[in-house]
């Protein structure tokens, strides 16, 4: 019995594109699938016939041979099936079902992909960068040395000596995957020869041993913006590890850590500064000079009778925000200092002062009055 023309089987013209062939095949496969035609004994044969036609026409080389020689191109072992057979004899219904399932749902499920896998992307890198509070106030350009993998200069990342093009893997014919029939199912695995790349290096580069990249320390200039805080992340696209065999590089992520300051404590865009003052200065009042983060000085007036913990605000003397305009504030907290290592004369003067200070300590007077009331209530 003579075989029908493959284009006639799929119902397309001989000039049909690859997309038109695929669309026609899917339509036929769904229409003729035996599960949908249980009462039609001819459906299975027509289903296999459509599968056979598509297996030939979707392959550019087989299609060219068929267009030139017709079915004779696959006689005498020239086809893709068993030796001496033709495409229609290359498997039973289970094989045909596996092929159509792969074609119909492979794209959706991430199954079949021509040409093997893409070259592997390089890994992302992390670099911890410590900066001072003064540097975060003004921002800066900083040069860092990053140990990483870079593209091999000898082979231009190809992995082959002299930059030669890799050869198609003979095991998987460049698909990056191999198939094995296990009963009704066809199992698809990553090609063990090329590790899924679809290509092999016949003459590996002596510098990178076929990897396409080498270990090297790179100097990078990083722009640290004003107002960064601990935990701020800066991304440098394409500055990570080089990909394998010409694959795209990863990214470099710089994580900022701001060192603790001896004078200032940061709270967002605000700064806090604890300033010690003498007991006499706190009692009498006066002016003091305090440092500011920009290296300058600010004069602060201390009101007479100030207590420890009293805060005063210096507006716009804090940190710049990472995003947005304006400046934070600076808060001065007074810490009244008790004198130590007193001389005999100083002790004498303090005792005299204490004797005259009965009405000068309102907080103490109020506290001990409350204590006396508490004790009296307990006795009652």
Protein backbone atom coordinates (compact mmCIF):
# COMPACT_ATOMS: atom_id res chain seq x y z
CA UNK A 1 0.00 0.00 0.00
CA UNK A 2 1.45 3.36 -1.03
CA UNK A 3 2.14 5.97 1.65
CA UNK A 4 0.28 9.25 1.62
CA UNK A 5 2.13 12.51 1.10
CA UNK A 6 3.21 13.91 4.46
CA UNK A 7 1.94 17.41 3.64
CA UNK A 8 -1.41 15.91 2.67
CA UNK A 9 -1.54 13.97 5.97
CA UNK A 10 -1.14 17.21 7.96
CA UNK A 11 -3.31 19.22 5.59
CA UNK A 12 -0.72 21.94 4.84
CA UNK A 13 0.99 23.32 1.76
CA UNK A 14 4.57 22.38 0.89
CA UNK A 15 5.57 25.97 1.62
CA UNK A 16 4.23 25.83 5.20
CA UNK A 17 6.48 27.35 7.90
CA UNK A 18 7.65 25.49 11.00
CA UNK A 19 4.97 27.19 13.10
CA UNK A 20 2.25 26.28 10.60
CA UNK A 21 3.43 22.65 10.60
CA UNK A 22 3.39 22.50 14.37
CA UNK A 23 -0.05 24.08 14.59
CA UNK A 24 -1.48 21.67 11.99
CA UNK A 25 0.09 18.68 13.74
CA UNK A 26 -1.34 19.64 17.12
CA UNK A 27 -4.78 20.00 15.61
CA UNK A 28 -4.55 16.57 13.93
CA UNK A 29 -3.16 14.92 17.05
CA UNK A 30 -5.99 16.21 19.22
CA UNK A 31 -8.54 15.23 16.58
CA UNK A 32 -7.21 11.71 15.99
CA UNK A 33 -6.07 10.76 19.50
CA UNK A 34 -7.31 7.20 20.22
CA UNK A 35 -8.65 8.18 23.62
CA UNK A 36 -11.11 10.47 21.84
CA UNK A 37 -11.95 7.88 19.17
CA UNK A 38 -12.57 4.68 21.10
CA UNK A 39 -15.30 3.68 18.60
CA UNK A 40 -13.11 4.34 15.54
CA UNK A 41 -10.60 1.52 14.89
CA UNK A 42 -8.85 3.57 12.18
CA UNK A 43 -8.01 6.48 14.54
CA UNK A 44 -4.86 4.90 15.97
CA UNK A 45 -3.39 4.29 12.49
CA UNK A 46 -4.14 7.84 11.36
CA UNK A 47 -2.74 9.16 14.62
CA UNK A 48 0.57 7.33 14.00
CA UNK A 49 0.54 8.52 10.39
CA UNK A 50 0.27 12.17 11.52
CA UNK A 51 3.01 11.62 14.08
CA UNK A 52 5.26 10.08 11.42
CA UNK A 53 4.66 12.99 9.04
CA UNK A 54 5.45 15.59 11.68
CA UNK A 55 8.58 13.77 12.89
CA UNK A 56 10.01 14.18 9.38
CA UNK A 57 8.77 17.64 8.45
CA UNK A 58 9.75 19.33 11.74
CA UNK A 59 13.41 18.36 11.19
CA UNK A 60 15.05 20.69 8.64
CA UNK A 61 17.43 18.03 7.27
CA UNK A 62 14.78 15.33 6.98
CA UNK A 63 12.34 17.79 5.46
CA UNK A 64 14.87 18.81 2.81
CA UNK A 65 15.51 15.15 1.97
CA UNK A 66 11.79 14.42 1.78
CA UNK A 67 11.10 17.44 -0.43
CA UNK A 68 13.76 16.20 -2.86
CA UNK A 69 13.32 12.41 -2.83
CA UNK A 70 9.93 11.83 -1.24
CA UNK A 71 9.44 8.65 0.80
CA UNK A 72 12.42 7.07 -0.95
CA UNK A 73 14.71 9.30 1.14
CA UNK A 74 14.02 7.10 4.17
CA UNK A 75 14.28 3.67 2.64
CA UNK A 76 17.25 1.44 3.36
CA UNK A 77 18.02 2.80 6.84
CA UNK A 78 18.09 6.51 5.96
CA UNK A 79 15.24 7.33 8.31
CA UNK A 80 15.22 8.10 12.02
CA UNK A 81 13.81 4.72 13.14
CA UNK A 82 15.17 1.18 13.25
CA UNK A 83 17.83 0.20 10.70
CA UNK A 84 16.19 -0.64 7.42
CA UNK A 85 12.91 0.94 8.44
CA UNK A 86 11.08 4.18 7.77
CA UNK A 87 9.67 6.77 10.13
CA UNK A 88 6.42 4.94 10.47
CA UNK A 89 8.24 1.84 11.81
CA UNK A 90 10.31 3.52 14.52
CA UNK A 91 8.12 2.68 17.50
CA UNK A 92 4.83 1.39 18.77
CA UNK A 93 1.86 3.37 19.98
CA UNK A 94 3.54 4.13 23.33
CA UNK A 95 6.42 5.88 21.56
CA UNK A 96 4.06 7.85 19.37
CA UNK A 97 2.01 8.87 22.39
CA UNK A 98 5.15 10.01 24.21
CA UNK A 99 6.20 12.14 21.25
CA UNK A 100 2.86 13.83 20.83
CA UNK A 101 2.54 14.44 24.57
CA UNK A 102 5.95 16.08 24.53
CA UNK A 103 5.09 18.25 21.54
CA UNK A 104 1.69 19.25 22.86
CA UNK A 105 2.69 20.00 26.44
CA UNK A 106 6.48 20.25 26.39
CA UNK A 107 6.55 24.02 25.96
CA UNK A 108 4.06 24.56 28.78
CA UNK A 109 5.84 22.21 31.22
CA UNK A 110 9.35 23.30 30.35
CA UNK A 111 10.09 19.98 28.68
CA UNK A 112 11.58 20.00 25.21
CA UNK A 113 14.00 22.78 24.40
CA UNK A 114 16.04 22.73 21.26
CA UNK A 115 19.73 23.44 21.25
CA UNK A 116 20.47 22.32 24.81
CA UNK A 117 20.54 24.50 27.85
CA UNK A 118 21.77 28.07 27.89
CA UNK A 119 25.28 28.66 29.15
CA UNK A 120 25.18 28.82 32.92
CA UNK A 121 24.90 32.28 34.48
CA UNK A 122 27.59 33.23 36.93
CA UNK A 123 26.87 33.32 40.66
CA UNK A 124 25.97 36.51 42.51
CA UNK A 125 28.60 37.74 44.96
CA UNK A 126 28.34 39.51 48.32
CA UNK A 127 30.86 42.03 49.63
CA UNK A 128 30.66 43.48 53.15
CA UNK A 129 31.91 47.07 53.22
CA UNK A 130 32.54 48.94 56.47
CA UNK A 131 32.42 52.74 56.36
CA UNK A 132 32.62 55.50 58.99
CA UNK A 133 29.78 57.77 60.06
CA UNK A 134 31.64 60.74 58.59
CA UNK A 135 31.83 58.97 55.22
CA UNK A 136 28.10 58.28 55.21
CA UNK A 137 27.47 61.95 55.98
CA UNK A 138 29.32 63.22 52.92
CA UNK A 139 29.21 60.19 50.59
CA UNK A 140 32.32 58.96 48.80
CA UNK A 141 33.89 56.97 46.00
CA UNK A 142 35.61 53.87 47.37
CA UNK A 143 37.80 51.33 45.59
CA UNK A 144 37.33 47.72 46.67
CA UNK A 145 39.20 44.57 45.67
CA UNK A 146 36.86 41.68 44.91
CA UNK A 147 38.17 38.11 44.41
CA UNK A 148 36.00 36.55 41.72
CA UNK A 149 35.88 34.54 38.51
CA UNK A 150 36.34 36.56 35.31
CA UNK A 151 36.11 35.61 31.64
CA UNK A 152 39.23 33.86 30.40
CA UNK A 153 41.18 36.17 28.12
CA UNK A 154 42.93 33.33 26.27
CA UNK A 155 39.75 31.77 24.88
CA UNK A 156 37.35 34.74 25.26
CA UNK A 157 35.16 32.65 27.54
CA UNK A 158 34.54 29.81 25.08
CA UNK A 159 36.60 27.27 27.02
CA UNK A 160 38.30 26.05 23.82
CA UNK A 161 41.94 26.65 22.97
CA UNK A 162 42.37 29.73 20.79
CA UNK A 163 38.73 30.71 21.21
CA UNK A 164 37.50 27.96 18.85
CA UNK A 165 33.80 27.21 18.73
CA UNK A 166 32.64 24.22 20.84
CA UNK A 167 31.52 21.12 18.94
CA UNK A 168 28.01 19.68 19.01
CA UNK A 169 27.73 16.90 21.58
CA UNK A 170 27.61 13.55 19.72
CA UNK A 171 25.59 11.85 22.48
CA UNK A 172 22.57 14.18 22.46
CA UNK A 173 23.10 15.87 19.07
CA UNK A 174 23.10 19.26 20.74
CA UNK A 175 19.78 18.84 22.58
CA UNK A 176 21.39 18.64 26.02
CA UNK A 177 19.09 15.74 26.90
CA UNK A 178 18.88 12.02 26.15
CA UNK A 179 15.85 9.74 26.13
CA UNK A 180 15.39 6.20 27.31
CA UNK A 181 12.28 4.04 26.74
CA UNK A 182 10.93 2.38 29.89
CA UNK A 183 7.81 0.45 28.99
CA UNK A 184 5.00 2.86 28.18
CA UNK A 185 6.99 5.94 29.26
CA UNK A 186 9.89 7.80 27.71
CA UNK A 187 12.29 9.16 30.35
CA UNK A 188 14.29 12.26 29.49
CA UNK A 189 17.54 12.98 31.35
CA UNK A 190 20.33 15.54 31.19
CA UNK A 191 23.03 14.40 28.79
CA UNK A 192 25.93 12.91 30.83
CA UNK A 193 28.51 13.83 28.17
CA UNK A 194 27.92 17.59 27.95
CA UNK A 195 26.04 18.12 31.27
CA UNK A 196 23.09 19.57 29.38
CA UNK A 197 25.00 22.25 27.46
CA UNK A 198 24.59 20.51 24.10
CA UNK A 199 28.25 21.22 23.26
CA UNK A 200 31.62 19.76 24.15
CA UNK A 201 35.14 21.14 24.16
CA UNK A 202 37.46 18.93 22.12
CA UNK A 203 40.61 20.96 22.84
CA UNK A 204 40.21 22.70 26.23
CA UNK A 205 41.90 26.03 26.85
CA UNK A 206 45.11 25.59 28.83
CA UNK A 207 44.50 28.73 30.90
CA UNK A 208 41.00 27.93 32.17
CA UNK A 209 40.93 24.14 31.48
CA UNK A 210 37.69 24.43 29.52
CA UNK A 211 35.70 26.43 32.10
CA UNK A 212 35.84 29.70 30.16
CA UNK A 213 36.71 31.66 33.31
CA UNK A 214 39.63 32.10 35.71
CA UNK A 215 40.04 33.25 39.32
CA UNK A 216 41.21 36.83 39.65
CA UNK A 217 41.00 39.79 42.04
CA UNK A 218 39.37 42.86 40.54
CA UNK A 219 39.50 46.48 41.70
CA UNK A 220 36.10 48.18 41.49
CA UNK A 221 35.17 51.78 42.17
CA UNK A 222 31.96 51.98 44.21
CA UNK A 223 29.83 55.09 44.72
CA UNK A 224 28.63 55.24 48.33
CA UNK A 225 25.71 57.71 48.46
CA UNK A 226 25.01 60.05 51.36
CA UNK A 227 22.86 58.77 54.19
CA UNK A 228 23.50 55.02 53.84
CA UNK A 229 22.89 52.96 56.98
CA UNK A 230 23.95 49.55 58.22
CA UNK A 231 22.13 46.99 56.06
CA UNK A 232 21.92 49.20 52.97
CA UNK A 233 22.47 47.06 49.86
CA UNK A 234 24.09 48.36 46.68
CA UNK A 235 23.75 46.25 43.50
CA UNK A 236 26.37 46.34 40.76
CA UNK A 237 24.81 44.55 37.79
CA UNK A 238 27.13 42.23 35.85
CA UNK A 239 30.01 42.58 38.32
CA UNK A 240 29.57 39.15 39.90
CA UNK A 241 31.11 35.84 38.92
CA UNK A 242 31.59 35.17 35.20
CA UNK A 243 29.35 32.53 33.63
CA UNK A 244 30.57 29.15 32.44
CA UNK A 245 31.66 29.02 28.79
CA UNK A 246 30.55 32.52 27.89
CA UNK A 247 27.45 32.59 30.08
CA UNK A 248 26.26 35.94 31.45
CA UNK A 249 27.90 37.16 34.66
CA UNK A 250 26.12 37.40 37.99
CA UNK A 251 25.68 40.56 40.07
CA UNK A 252 27.71 41.97 42.95
CA UNK A 253 25.83 43.01 46.08
CA UNK A 254 27.61 45.35 48.49
CA UNK A 255 26.24 45.35 52.04
CA UNK A 256 27.07 48.46 54.08
CA UNK A 257 28.08 48.37 57.74
CA UNK A 258 28.52 51.74 59.49
CA UNK A 259 31.11 51.68 62.28
CA UNK A 260 30.12 52.85 65.76
CA UNK A 261 31.19 56.45 66.50
CA UNK A 262 32.96 57.62 69.67
CA UNK A 263 30.88 60.79 70.01
CA UNK A 264 27.64 60.44 68.06
CA UNK A 265 24.92 57.83 68.19
CA UNK A 266 22.71 57.58 65.12
CA UNK A 267 18.94 57.12 65.03
CA UNK A 268 17.84 57.23 61.41
CA UNK A 269 18.64 60.73 60.18
CA UNK A 270 19.02 62.10 63.73
CA UNK A 271 22.16 62.17 65.84
CA UNK A 272 22.47 62.05 69.64
CA UNK A 273 25.42 63.41 71.58
CA UNK A 274 25.84 63.03 75.34
CA UNK A 275 27.71 66.04 76.71
CA UNK A 276 29.11 66.05 80.30
CA UNK A 277 28.83 69.38 82.19
CA UNK A 278 30.12 70.28 85.60
CA UNK A 279 27.82 70.58 88.56
CA UNK A 280 28.55 74.29 88.85
CA UNK A 281 27.94 74.90 85.11
CA UNK A 282 24.63 73.07 85.30
CA UNK A 283 23.63 75.11 88.37
CA UNK A 284 24.76 78.52 87.12
CA UNK A 285 24.09 78.03 83.39
CA UNK A 286 26.32 79.20 80.59
CA UNK A 287 27.51 78.42 77.06
CA UNK A 288 29.31 75.31 75.83
CA UNK A 289 30.68 74.25 72.44
CA UNK A 290 29.66 70.90 70.97
CA UNK A 291 31.04 69.14 67.85
CA UNK A 292 28.94 68.52 64.74
CA UNK A 293 29.26 65.63 62.28
CA UNK A 294 30.53 67.91 59.51
CA UNK A 295 33.61 68.73 61.62
CA UNK A 296 32.32 72.09 62.80
CA UNK A 297 31.27 73.46 66.19
CA UNK A 298 27.99 74.74 67.57
CA UNK A 299 27.51 76.93 70.67
CA UNK A 300 24.77 75.74 73.01
CA UNK A 301 23.31 77.77 75.89
CA UNK A 302 22.72 75.77 79.07
CA UNK A 303 19.87 77.17 81.19
CA UNK A 304 20.66 77.66 84.88
CA UNK A 305 19.51 74.77 87.04
CA UNK A 306 19.71 72.14 84.23
CA UNK A 307 19.45 68.53 85.36
CA UNK A 308 21.05 65.36 83.94
CA UNK A 309 19.13 64.01 80.97
CA UNK A 310 17.95 67.38 79.73
CA UNK A 311 17.91 67.48 75.91
CA UNK A 312 18.36 70.35 73.51
CA UNK A 313 17.85 70.20 69.75
CA UNK A 314 20.12 71.57 67.06
CA UNK A 315 18.00 71.62 63.92
CA UNK A 316 19.45 70.33 60.61
CA UNK A 317 22.69 69.26 62.29
CA UNK A 318 22.04 65.56 61.84
CA UNK A 319 22.45 63.18 58.88
CA UNK A 320 21.17 63.48 55.31
CA UNK A 321 18.46 60.92 54.52
CA UNK A 322 19.30 58.26 51.94
CA UNK A 323 16.29 59.31 49.88
CA UNK A 324 14.61 62.67 49.93
CA UNK A 325 15.59 66.24 50.79
CA UNK A 326 16.35 67.88 54.13
CA UNK A 327 18.59 66.98 57.07
CA UNK A 328 18.06 65.28 60.39
CA UNK A 329 18.50 66.99 63.76
CA UNK A 330 21.14 66.68 66.47
CA UNK A 331 20.07 66.19 70.10
CA UNK A 332 22.34 67.24 72.96
CA UNK A 333 21.80 65.35 76.22
CA UNK A 334 23.33 66.88 79.36
CA UNK A 335 25.10 64.63 81.85
CA UNK A 336 25.77 66.54 85.06
CA UNK A 337 29.05 65.26 86.43
CA UNK A 338 29.70 64.83 90.16
CA UNK A 339 33.24 66.00 91.08
CA UNK A 340 35.73 63.43 92.38
CA UNK A 341 39.09 63.54 94.17
CA UNK A 342 38.15 66.68 96.15
CA UNK A 343 40.70 68.63 98.15
CA UNK A 344 40.11 69.55 101.79
CA UNK A 345 39.18 73.07 100.81
CA UNK A 346 36.70 71.87 98.18
CA UNK A 347 35.06 69.55 100.68
CA UNK A 348 34.80 72.41 103.18
CA UNK A 349 33.17 74.65 100.61
CA UNK A 350 30.71 71.93 99.59
CA UNK A 351 29.69 71.32 103.23
CA UNK A 352 29.14 75.03 103.64
CA UNK A 353 27.14 75.09 100.40
CA UNK A 354 25.08 72.10 101.54
CA UNK A 355 24.19 73.85 104.77
CA UNK A 356 22.88 76.82 102.83
CA UNK A 357 21.03 74.76 100.15
CA UNK A 358 17.88 73.71 102.00
CA UNK A 359 15.61 75.56 99.56
CA UNK A 360 17.70 74.99 96.40
CA UNK A 361 16.85 71.32 95.78
CA UNK A 362 13.09 71.21 95.11
CA UNK A 363 13.16 67.71 93.59
CA UNK A 364 14.91 66.24 96.65
CA UNK A 365 12.55 68.08 99.01
CA UNK A 366 9.51 66.74 97.13
CA UNK A 367 10.86 63.19 97.04
CA UNK A 368 11.69 62.93 100.73
CA UNK A 369 8.37 64.52 101.63
CA UNK A 370 6.66 61.70 99.70
CA UNK A 371 8.85 59.14 101.46
CA UNK A 372 7.89 60.51 104.89
CA UNK A 373 4.21 60.29 103.98
CA UNK A 374 4.69 56.70 102.83
CA UNK A 375 6.37 55.67 106.09
CA UNK A 376 3.70 57.41 108.17
CA UNK A 377 0.95 55.55 106.27
CA UNK A 378 2.69 52.23 106.87
CA UNK A 379 2.81 52.91 110.62
CA UNK A 380 -0.89 53.74 110.63
